[in-house]
Protein backbone atom coordinates (compact mmCIF):
# COMPACT_ATOMS: atom_id res chain seq x y z
CA MET A 1 139.71 132.07 90.15
CA PRO A 2 137.50 134.96 89.66
CA ASP A 3 133.71 135.04 89.05
CA LEU A 4 132.26 135.00 85.59
CA LEU A 5 129.57 137.91 85.17
CA VAL A 6 127.92 138.56 82.19
CA THR A 7 125.99 141.80 82.24
CA ARG A 8 122.89 142.39 80.28
CA ARG A 9 124.54 144.40 77.57
CA PHE A 10 126.04 141.14 76.54
CA CYS A 11 122.84 139.28 76.13
CA GLY A 12 121.82 136.75 73.39
CA PRO A 13 118.32 135.89 74.00
CA PRO A 14 116.64 138.47 75.90
CA SER A 15 117.14 136.95 79.47
CA SER A 16 120.61 135.00 78.91
CA GLY A 17 123.94 135.84 77.98
CA ASN A 18 125.23 135.47 74.39
CA GLY A 19 126.69 132.36 74.05
CA GLY A 20 130.11 132.99 72.55
CA TYR A 21 130.67 136.07 74.68
CA THR A 22 130.17 133.84 77.92
CA ALA A 23 132.22 130.88 76.30
CA GLY A 24 134.94 133.37 75.57
CA ALA A 25 134.83 135.06 79.09
CA LEU A 26 135.18 131.80 80.78
CA ALA A 27 137.86 130.45 78.07
CA SER A 28 140.15 133.58 79.26
CA GLN A 29 140.50 131.87 82.49
CA VAL A 30 141.96 128.67 80.89
CA ASP A 31 145.73 128.65 79.94
CA ALA A 32 145.57 126.96 76.80
CA ALA A 33 145.79 128.29 72.83
CA VAL A 34 142.59 126.43 71.88
CA VAL A 35 139.88 125.97 74.27
CA SER A 36 136.30 124.45 74.05
CA VAL A 37 133.48 125.44 76.06
CA SER A 38 130.39 123.67 76.56
CA LEU A 39 127.13 125.57 77.55
CA LEU A 40 125.18 123.43 80.03
CA ALA A 41 122.33 125.87 80.78
CA PRO A 42 121.39 129.40 79.68
CA PRO A 43 123.83 131.74 81.16
CA PRO A 44 122.34 134.07 83.49
CA LEU A 45 122.58 137.91 83.30
CA ASP A 46 123.95 140.06 85.98
CA THR A 47 124.59 137.26 88.40
CA PRO A 48 128.01 136.33 89.55
CA MET A 49 128.82 132.57 88.76
CA SER A 50 131.59 130.95 90.64
CA VAL A 51 134.47 129.59 88.83
CA ALA A 52 136.37 126.54 89.79
CA VAL A 53 138.69 123.52 88.34
CA VAL A 54 136.61 120.27 88.34
CA ASP A 55 138.08 117.18 87.27
CA GLY A 56 140.56 118.83 85.30
CA SER A 57 137.99 121.26 83.50
CA THR A 58 137.21 125.07 84.35
CA VAL A 59 133.60 125.38 85.32
CA ALA A 60 131.24 128.23 85.99
CA SER A 61 128.26 127.85 88.18
CA ALA A 62 125.23 129.73 89.34
CA ASP A 63 123.07 128.32 92.41
CA GLY A 64 125.44 125.42 92.58
CA ALA A 65 124.48 124.08 89.16
CA PRO A 66 127.09 124.37 86.36
CA VAL A 67 126.39 126.49 83.61
CA ALA A 68 129.66 126.52 81.39
CA ARG A 69 132.55 124.19 81.22
CA ALA A 70 135.96 125.00 79.49
CA GLU A 71 138.75 122.51 78.65
CA VAL A 72 141.84 122.46 76.47
CA GLY A 73 140.43 121.90 72.94
CA THR A 74 141.58 121.28 69.01
CA ILE A 75 140.23 122.53 65.92
CA ASP A 76 140.22 119.79 63.28
CA GLN A 77 138.51 121.31 60.22
CA PRO A 78 140.02 123.82 57.47
CA THR A 79 139.97 127.45 58.12
CA VAL A 80 136.78 129.13 56.62
CA ALA A 81 138.31 131.08 53.53
CA ALA A 82 138.70 134.71 53.68
CA VAL A 83 136.37 137.01 51.77
CA PRO A 84 137.70 140.49 50.31
CA VAL A 85 136.13 143.30 52.42
CA GLU A 86 134.29 145.05 49.85
CA GLU A 87 132.41 141.65 49.15
CA ALA A 88 131.89 141.00 53.05
CA ARG A 89 130.40 144.96 53.08
CA ALA A 90 127.99 143.89 50.19
CA ALA A 91 126.89 140.65 51.64
CA GLU A 92 125.51 142.71 54.80
CA ARG A 93 122.65 144.20 52.88
CA ALA A 94 121.19 140.74 52.23
CA PHE A 95 121.39 139.57 55.96
CA VAL A 96 117.96 137.80 56.29
CA GLY A 97 118.08 138.68 60.13
CA LEU A 98 116.98 142.28 59.42
CA GLY A 99 113.71 141.09 58.40
CA SER A 100 113.45 138.08 60.78
CA HIS A 101 115.33 137.28 63.65
CA PRO A 102 114.77 134.99 66.74
CA PHE A 103 116.84 137.24 69.11
CA PRO A 104 116.68 140.65 67.77
CA THR A 105 118.26 142.13 70.90
CA CYS A 106 121.33 140.03 70.57
CA PHE A 107 124.67 141.74 71.47
CA VAL A 108 126.50 140.40 68.53
CA CYS A 109 123.97 140.49 65.49
CA GLY A 110 120.70 141.83 66.78
CA PRO A 111 119.63 144.62 64.41
CA ASP A 112 117.55 146.32 67.52
CA ARG A 113 120.78 146.96 69.46
CA THR A 114 122.83 150.23 68.59
CA ASP A 115 125.16 149.51 71.35
CA GLY A 116 126.04 145.95 70.22
CA LEU A 117 128.67 144.37 67.56
CA ARG A 118 125.75 144.56 64.75
CA ILE A 119 127.64 141.70 62.60
CA PHE A 120 125.06 141.16 60.13
CA PRO A 121 126.39 138.15 57.86
CA GLY A 122 124.96 137.63 54.51
CA PRO A 123 125.82 134.89 51.82
CA VAL A 124 129.07 135.34 49.33
CA ALA A 125 129.86 133.97 46.15
CA GLY A 126 132.36 130.97 46.03
CA PRO A 127 132.60 127.19 45.80
CA ASP A 128 130.91 126.86 49.24
CA GLY A 129 127.46 128.35 48.00
CA PRO A 130 125.06 130.15 50.22
CA THR A 131 126.01 128.79 53.41
CA HIS A 132 129.56 130.96 53.16
CA LEU A 133 128.65 134.11 54.99
CA ALA A 134 130.62 137.13 55.64
CA ALA A 135 130.32 140.28 57.60
CA THR A 136 132.63 143.34 58.51
CA TRP A 137 133.48 144.23 62.07
CA THR A 138 134.83 147.50 63.51
CA PRO A 139 135.55 147.05 67.07
CA ASP A 140 134.78 150.20 69.17
CA PRO A 141 136.38 151.72 72.41
CA SER A 142 133.42 150.60 74.37
CA VAL A 143 134.72 146.70 74.10
CA ALA A 144 138.54 147.48 74.31
CA ASP A 145 138.84 146.16 77.83
CA ASP A 146 136.68 142.89 77.10
CA LEU A 147 138.45 141.78 73.69
CA THR A 148 138.91 138.31 74.04
CA ALA A 149 135.09 137.44 75.41
CA VAL A 150 133.87 140.12 72.85
CA THR A 151 135.77 138.35 69.95
CA TRP A 152 134.47 134.97 70.75
CA GLY A 153 131.12 136.85 70.48
CA ALA A 154 132.15 138.02 67.10
CA LEU A 155 133.19 134.49 65.81
CA ASP A 156 129.63 133.13 67.44
CA CYS A 157 126.61 134.06 65.45
CA ILE A 158 127.98 134.16 62.31
CA GLY A 159 128.19 130.17 62.74
CA GLY A 160 124.38 130.20 63.63
CA TRP A 161 123.40 132.14 60.32
CA ALA A 162 125.60 129.71 58.34
CA GLY A 163 123.93 127.02 59.61
CA GLY A 164 120.22 127.87 58.91
CA LEU A 165 119.12 130.08 62.08
CA ALA A 166 116.69 131.74 59.59
CA ASP A 167 114.81 128.34 59.37
CA ARG A 168 115.08 127.01 62.82
CA THR A 169 115.80 128.43 66.29
CA MET A 170 119.23 127.38 67.60
CA VAL A 171 121.16 127.99 70.66
CA LEU A 172 124.98 127.56 71.05
CA ALA A 173 125.75 124.37 72.97
CA ARG A 174 129.84 124.05 72.23
CA MET A 175 132.40 126.69 70.95
CA THR A 176 135.93 125.65 70.24
CA ALA A 177 138.13 128.73 69.32
CA ARG A 178 141.82 129.82 69.00
CA LEU A 179 142.70 133.56 68.76
CA ASP A 180 145.95 134.30 67.31
CA VAL A 181 146.00 138.11 67.39
CA LEU A 182 143.20 140.25 69.24
CA PRO A 183 141.56 142.67 66.80
CA ARG A 184 142.43 146.38 67.14
CA VAL A 185 139.92 148.64 68.23
CA GLY A 186 138.88 151.04 65.05
CA ASP A 187 140.30 148.55 62.36
CA GLU A 188 137.65 147.10 60.05
CA HIS A 189 137.63 143.21 60.05
CA VAL A 190 136.07 140.43 58.01
CA VAL A 191 133.94 137.73 59.83
CA VAL A 192 133.44 134.58 57.71
CA GLY A 193 131.15 131.54 58.56
CA LEU A 194 130.24 128.10 56.97
CA ALA A 195 127.76 125.50 57.68
CA ARG A 196 129.69 121.88 57.91
CA ARG A 197 126.78 119.41 58.74
CA THR A 198 123.52 118.69 60.53
CA GLU A 199 122.46 115.67 62.36
CA GLY A 200 119.10 115.78 63.64
CA ARG A 201 118.79 118.64 66.31
CA LYS A 202 122.64 119.14 65.88
CA THR A 203 124.18 121.82 63.32
CA PHE A 204 127.96 121.80 62.89
CA THR A 205 129.75 125.07 61.78
CA ALA A 206 132.77 127.01 61.62
CA ALA A 207 133.97 130.74 61.48
CA ALA A 208 137.26 132.79 60.94
CA LEU A 209 137.98 136.33 61.68
CA TYR A 210 140.57 138.24 59.37
CA GLY A 211 142.40 141.57 59.89
CA PRO A 212 142.45 144.53 57.50
CA ASP A 213 145.69 143.24 56.32
CA GLY A 214 143.68 140.06 55.22
CA ARG A 215 145.64 137.64 57.80
CA LEU A 216 143.83 135.34 59.80
CA ARG A 217 143.15 136.52 63.56
CA GLY A 218 141.20 133.64 64.93
CA ARG A 219 138.82 130.85 64.22
CA ALA A 220 136.16 128.76 65.82
CA GLU A 221 134.08 125.46 65.15
CA HIS A 222 130.51 125.53 66.95
CA LEU A 223 127.86 122.93 67.75
CA TRP A 224 124.33 124.44 67.73
CA ILE A 225 121.20 122.76 69.23
CA ALA A 226 117.96 123.50 67.67
CA VAL A 227 115.28 124.42 70.41
CA ASP A 228 111.66 125.37 70.78
CA PRO A 229 111.34 129.30 70.22
CA ALA A 230 108.96 129.61 72.98
CA ALA A 231 111.67 128.66 75.55
CA PHE A 232 113.60 131.65 74.53
CA ALA A 233 110.93 134.31 74.12
């Protein structure tokens, strides 16, 4: 199996890979419609990770230690409801990460990145209240050859913000996703996220991606773990 390499462009915290991107890159080596990826350690940057099947799971390792484990998954919760594109655009102005962000250079949602996805989710009105977030995303040509991993990334961070990333630092521990149709470069999409529940240090969230025609393109569920911010400075 080919090595897994997360280059510095695709960081989440400054010194490790974006969780969603890393998970998607590994998931692309699993032949299943729904894949669940557990992140076991911060993904190293610019370091080839060996990939092998271990006890039925696809495992990426660095220096002999497992970093991520992928396996066939299931998605059990209802899909996060769609939001009109105009409403998603308006919500971006209220993205709390523009004022305070634990990882401002994150490839997906970091405001300091001009070469990132710049997905800035803000709250939208509706029955789910302030934990229902939305943003727009238009894939650019620089990600055309890496759309599966990048789309997992797009479905990642919005879950963290929906789950309260503004109030406590969290990192992705597990992500399960299904991509029905990859997004098209140049098309404006809508990403939506929703908090499910919190249990101690664990927070469970969900996300979905809708195309310009309003149809579902992909969906995800996440498990986040609260961490000491100093450990990821």
